[in-house]
Amino acid sequence: MTKDEIFNKIADIIDDRFEVDRDKVTNDLNFRSDLDADSIDFVEFIMELEDTFGAEISDEDAEKLSTIGQVVDYIYNHQDKAE
């Protein structure tokens, strides 16, 4: 999966979960400051990412993810390259 494909799927999740206009989703969008996501929102978002991408994101790694771009890079770098 390319970074663009990953970004588009994540943008759809952000649009649905946080009710943010899809056109306003950028790589620099910050979960806490731009989306006002609390810890429960963020955990639910991470769980949805895991389901969507079939990836496991450790709590330690999740704590380091604060922007959409970081999540895209993480998913891209941890996807099964055999797909």
C-alpha atoms as a PDB file:
ATOM      1  CA  MET A   1       0.000   0.000   0.000  1.00  0.00           C
ATOM      2  CA  THR A   2       1.379   3.422  -0.891  1.00  0.00           C
ATOM      3  CA  LYS A   3       1.586   6.346   1.517  1.00  0.00           C
ATOM      4  CA  ASP A   4      -1.185   8.095  -0.447  1.00  0.00           C
ATOM      5  CA  GLU A   5      -3.482   5.089  -0.066  1.00  0.00           C
ATOM      6  CA  ILE A   6      -2.735   4.912   3.653  1.00  0.00           C
ATOM      7  CA  PHE A   7      -3.302   8.663   4.051  1.00  0.00           C
ATOM      8  CA  ASN A   8      -6.652   8.463   2.258  1.00  0.00           C
ATOM      9  CA  LYS A   9      -7.902   5.652   4.494  1.00  0.00           C
ATOM     10  CA  ILE A  10      -6.759   7.522   7.614  1.00  0.00           C
ATOM     11  CA  ALA A  11      -8.381  10.734   6.370  1.00  0.00           C
ATOM     12  CA  ASP A  12     -11.663   8.846   5.949  1.00  0.00           C
ATOM     13  CA  ILE A  13     -11.394   7.561   9.532  1.00  0.00           C
ATOM     14  CA  ILE A  14     -10.637  11.085  10.830  1.00  0.00           C
ATOM     15  CA  ASP A  15     -13.587  12.480   8.879  1.00  0.00           C
ATOM     16  CA  ASP A  16     -15.918   9.849  10.296  1.00  0.00           C
ATOM     17  CA  ARG A  17     -14.635   9.639  13.871  1.00  0.00           C
ATOM     18  CA  PHE A  18     -13.781  13.283  14.579  1.00  0.00           C
ATOM     19  CA  GLU A  19     -16.227  14.932  12.168  1.00  0.00           C
ATOM     20  CA  VAL A  20     -13.475  16.927  10.477  1.00  0.00           C
ATOM     21  CA  ASP A  21     -14.022  17.972   6.880  1.00  0.00           C
ATOM     22  CA  ARG A  22     -11.984  15.534   4.763  1.00  0.00           C
ATOM     23  CA  ASP A  23     -10.423  18.474   2.874  1.00  0.00           C
ATOM     24  CA  LYS A  24      -8.955  19.802   6.130  1.00  0.00           C
ATOM     25  CA  VAL A  25      -7.069  16.585   6.932  1.00  0.00           C
ATOM     26  CA  THR A  26      -3.347  17.099   6.316  1.00  0.00           C
ATOM     27  CA  ASN A  27      -0.148  15.335   7.362  1.00  0.00           C
ATOM     28  CA  ASP A  28       0.453  18.097   9.936  1.00  0.00           C
ATOM     29  CA  LEU A  29      -2.910  17.626  11.664  1.00  0.00           C
ATOM     30  CA  ASN A  30      -2.247  16.974  15.364  1.00  0.00           C
ATOM     31  CA  PHE A  31      -4.587  14.652  17.247  1.00  0.00           C
ATOM     32  CA  ARG A  32      -4.505  16.483  20.535  1.00  0.00           C
ATOM     33  CA  SER A  33      -4.255  20.140  19.546  1.00  0.00           C
ATOM     34  CA  ASP A  34      -6.151  20.133  16.235  1.00  0.00           C
ATOM     35  CA  LEU A  35      -8.728  17.416  16.892  1.00  0.00           C
ATOM     36  CA  ASP A  36      -9.117  17.867  20.642  1.00  0.00           C
ATOM     37  CA  ALA A  37      -8.777  14.105  20.983  1.00  0.00           C
ATOM     38  CA  ASP A  38      -8.600  12.896  24.552  1.00  0.00           C
ATOM     39  CA  SER A  39      -6.837   9.681  25.533  1.00  0.00           C
ATOM     40  CA  ILE A  40      -9.959   7.562  25.016  1.00  0.00           C
ATOM     41  CA  ASP A  41     -10.533   9.043  21.543  1.00  0.00           C
ATOM     42  CA  PHE A  42      -6.921   8.335  20.668  1.00  0.00           C
ATOM     43  CA  VAL A  43      -7.005   4.727  21.913  1.00  0.00           C
ATOM     44  CA  GLU A  44     -10.195   4.079  19.929  1.00  0.00           C
ATOM     45  CA  PHE A  45      -8.573   5.649  16.860  1.00  0.00           C
ATOM     46  CA  ILE A  46      -5.484   3.415  17.255  1.00  0.00           C
ATOM     47  CA  MET A  47      -7.731   0.350  17.575  1.00  0.00           C
ATOM     48  CA  GLU A  48      -9.569   1.333  14.404  1.00  0.00           C
ATOM     49  CA  LEU A  49      -6.233   1.742  12.606  1.00  0.00           C
ATOM     50  CA  GLU A  50      -5.191  -1.722  13.737  1.00  0.00           C
ATOM     51  CA  ASP A  51      -8.433  -3.184  12.379  1.00  0.00           C
ATOM     52  CA  THR A  52      -8.265  -1.228   9.124  1.00  0.00           C
ATOM     53  CA  PHE A  53      -4.632  -1.972   8.324  1.00  0.00           C
ATOM     54  CA  GLY A  54      -4.220  -5.342  10.048  1.00  0.00           C
ATOM     55  CA  ALA A  55      -1.305  -3.897  11.985  1.00  0.00           C
ATOM     56  CA  GLU A  56      -0.505  -4.021  15.654  1.00  0.00           C
ATOM     57  CA  ILE A  57       0.568  -0.723  17.197  1.00  0.00           C
ATOM     58  CA  SER A  58       2.177  -1.060  20.614  1.00  0.00           C
ATOM     59  CA  ASP A  59       1.194   1.369  23.366  1.00  0.00           C
ATOM     60  CA  GLU A  60       4.782   2.617  23.408  1.00  0.00           C
ATOM     61  CA  ASP A  61       4.719   3.346  19.669  1.00  0.00           C
ATOM     62  CA  ALA A  62       1.229   4.878  19.835  1.00  0.00           C
ATOM     63  CA  GLU A  63       2.420   7.406  22.430  1.00  0.00           C
ATOM     64  CA  LYS A  64       4.954   8.718  19.897  1.00  0.00           C
ATOM     65  CA  LEU A  65       2.327   9.322  17.198  1.00  0.00           C
ATOM     66  CA  SER A  66       0.919  12.822  17.342  1.00  0.00           C
ATOM     67  CA  THR A  67       0.288  13.809  13.704  1.00  0.00           C
ATOM     68  CA  ILE A  68      -1.401  12.188  10.724  1.00  0.00           C
ATOM     69  CA  GLY A  69       1.937  12.157   8.873  1.00  0.00           C
ATOM     70  CA  GLN A  70       3.577  10.192  11.683  1.00  0.00           C
ATOM     71  CA  VAL A  71       0.769   7.633  11.585  1.00  0.00           C
ATOM     72  CA  VAL A  72       1.036   7.308   7.795  1.00  0.00           C
ATOM     73  CA  ASP A  73       4.800   6.736   8.060  1.00  0.00           C
ATOM     74  CA  TYR A  74       4.335   4.234  10.878  1.00  0.00           C
ATOM     75  CA  ILE A  75       1.728   2.191   8.992  1.00  0.00           C
ATOM     76  CA  TYR A  76       3.785   2.364   5.795  1.00  0.00           C
ATOM     77  CA  ASN A  77       6.947   1.178   7.528  1.00  0.00           C
ATOM     78  CA  HIS A  78       5.194  -1.605   9.468  1.00  0.00           C
ATOM     79  CA  GLN A  79       2.962  -3.050   6.773  1.00  0.00           C
ATOM     80  CA  ASP A  80       3.494  -6.521   5.435  1.00  0.00           C
ATOM     81  CA  LYS A  81       5.563  -5.920   2.309  1.00  0.00           C
ATOM     82  CA  ALA A  82       4.281  -9.203   0.834  1.00  0.00           C
ATOM     83  CA  GLU A  83       0.857  -7.640   0.170  1.00  0.00           C
END
